N, C-alpha and C. Protein backbone atom coordinates (compact mmCIF):
# COMPACT_ATOMS: atom_id res chain seq x y z
N UNK A 1 9.52 -14.59 -1.30
CA UNK A 1 8.39 -13.81 -0.24
C UNK A 1 9.74 -12.58 0.76
N UNK A 2 8.97 -11.50 0.68
CA UNK A 2 9.09 -10.85 2.14
C UNK A 2 8.96 -11.16 2.61
N UNK A 3 9.65 -10.92 4.56
CA UNK A 3 8.80 -10.61 5.92
C UNK A 3 8.72 -9.42 5.48
N UNK A 4 7.82 -9.24 6.63
CA UNK A 4 7.00 -7.92 7.17
C UNK A 4 8.32 -7.47 8.84
N UNK A 5 7.95 -5.87 9.65
CA UNK A 5 9.12 -6.42 10.33
C UNK A 5 7.84 -5.71 11.72
N UNK A 6 7.16 -6.15 12.19
CA UNK A 6 6.62 -5.89 13.37
C UNK A 6 7.01 -4.93 14.69
N UNK A 7 6.73 -2.92 14.82
CA UNK A 7 8.01 -2.78 15.71
C UNK A 7 5.72 -2.17 16.99
N UNK A 8 6.55 -1.93 18.32
CA UNK A 8 5.80 -1.41 18.95
C UNK A 8 5.32 0.28 18.57
N UNK A 9 4.49 0.53 19.16
CA UNK A 9 4.32 2.16 18.82
C UNK A 9 3.31 1.97 20.12
N UNK A 10 3.57 2.71 20.88
CA UNK A 10 3.08 3.09 22.84
C UNK A 10 1.92 1.62 22.82
N UNK A 11 0.90 1.73 22.92
CA UNK A 11 0.00 0.84 22.95
C UNK A 11 -0.71 -0.76 21.47
N UNK A 12 -0.02 0.89 19.84
CA UNK A 12 -0.39 -0.06 19.46
C UNK A 12 0.88 -1.16 18.14
N UNK A 13 0.87 -2.06 17.62
CA UNK A 13 1.41 -2.38 17.21
C UNK A 13 1.71 -1.47 15.63
N UNK A 14 3.41 -1.31 14.34
CA UNK A 14 3.43 -0.67 13.16
C UNK A 14 4.35 -2.92 12.88
N UNK A 15 3.84 -1.65 11.02
CA UNK A 15 4.60 -2.84 10.52
C UNK A 15 5.10 -2.28 9.78
N UNK A 16 6.51 -2.17 8.99
CA UNK A 16 7.51 -1.86 9.01
C UNK A 16 8.02 -2.41 7.41
N UNK A 17 6.70 -2.36 6.17
CA UNK A 17 7.39 -2.36 5.00
C UNK A 17 8.21 -2.84 4.34
N UNK A 18 8.80 -4.00 3.40
CA UNK A 18 10.49 -3.92 2.94
C UNK A 18 10.30 -2.67 1.31
N UNK A 19 11.51 -2.40 1.23
CA UNK A 19 11.46 -1.62 0.01
C UNK A 19 10.99 -1.88 -0.90
N UNK A 20 10.25 -2.65 -1.49
CA UNK A 20 10.25 -3.49 -3.57
C UNK A 20 8.24 -3.20 -2.69
N UNK A 21 8.33 -3.36 -2.08
CA UNK A 21 6.15 -3.60 -1.33
C UNK A 21 5.86 -1.84 -1.66
N UNK A 22 7.51 -0.91 -0.86
CA UNK A 22 6.62 0.48 -1.23
C UNK A 22 6.72 1.11 -2.59
N UNK A 23 7.60 0.28 -3.02
CA UNK A 23 7.05 0.75 -4.36
C UNK A 23 6.71 0.48 -5.83
N UNK A 24 5.28 -0.85 -4.82
CA UNK A 24 5.25 -0.80 -5.06
C UNK A 24 4.15 -0.33 -5.43
N UNK A 25 3.83 0.09 -4.22
CA UNK A 25 2.57 0.78 -3.65
C UNK A 25 2.52 1.89 -4.41
N UNK A 26 3.84 2.61 -4.75
CA UNK A 26 3.68 3.76 -5.33
C UNK A 26 3.17 4.00 -6.87
N UNK A 27 3.96 2.52 -7.13
CA UNK A 27 3.14 2.02 -8.58
C UNK A 27 2.01 2.23 -8.97
N UNK A 28 0.92 1.26 -7.83
CA UNK A 28 -0.66 1.04 -7.95
C UNK A 28 -0.98 2.52 -7.42
N UNK A 29 -0.62 3.22 -6.95
CA UNK A 29 -1.80 4.68 -5.91
C UNK A 29 -1.42 6.03 -7.67
N UNK A 30 -0.75 5.27 -8.06
CA UNK A 30 -0.58 6.13 -9.82
C UNK A 30 -1.77 6.17 -10.49
N UNK A 31 -1.17 4.45 -10.75
CA UNK A 31 -2.34 4.09 -11.91
C UNK A 31 -3.25 5.09 -11.22
N UNK A 32 -3.59 4.01 -10.36
CA UNK A 32 -4.98 4.87 -9.31
C UNK A 32 -5.60 6.60 -9.48
N UNK A 33 -4.58 6.66 -9.20
CA UNK A 33 -4.51 8.44 -9.58
C UNK A 33 -5.40 8.30 -11.25
N UNK A 34 -4.58 7.89 -12.29
CA UNK A 34 -4.29 8.25 -13.43
C UNK A 34 -6.34 6.80 -13.58
N UNK A 35 -6.03 6.90 -13.13
CA UNK A 35 -7.49 5.65 -13.33
C UNK A 35 -8.84 6.15 -12.37
N UNK A 36 -9.38 6.96 -12.18
CA UNK A 36 -9.45 7.61 -11.14
C UNK A 36 -11.71 6.45 -11.38
N UNK A 37 -12.29 7.42 -12.85
CA UNK A 37 -13.06 7.65 -13.27
C UNK A 37 -13.55 5.88 -13.66
N UNK A 38 -12.21 5.36 -14.63
CA UNK A 38 -13.30 3.42 -14.51
C UNK A 38 -13.05 2.78 -13.07
N UNK A 39 -11.70 3.07 -12.71
CA UNK A 39 -12.31 1.89 -11.01
C UNK A 39 -13.67 2.89 -9.75
N UNK A 40 -13.93 3.75 -10.03
CA UNK A 40 -15.47 4.24 -9.41
C UNK A 40 -16.26 3.03 -10.64
N UNK A 41 -16.83 3.80 -11.28
CA UNK A 41 -17.53 2.50 -12.48
C UNK A 41 -17.63 1.55 -12.60
N UNK A 42 -15.58 0.42 -11.97
CA UNK A 42 -15.85 -0.80 -12.01
C UNK A 42 -16.96 -1.22 -10.33
N UNK A 43 -15.78 0.15 -9.13
CA UNK A 43 -16.71 -0.26 -8.19
C UNK A 43 -18.34 0.10 -7.61
N UNK A 44 -18.99 -0.14 -8.96
CA UNK A 44 -20.50 0.01 -8.90
C UNK A 44 -21.26 -1.10 -8.43
């Protein structure tokens, strides 16, 4: 389990994600880009 770090950005809060989470997000973005039509059909 990873921990998230909260930081204040003006009047808002920001989240700093661990490196592993960023790698997983990049992989998910690549899949979503390559399977765009399939995901659009599933969303209907």
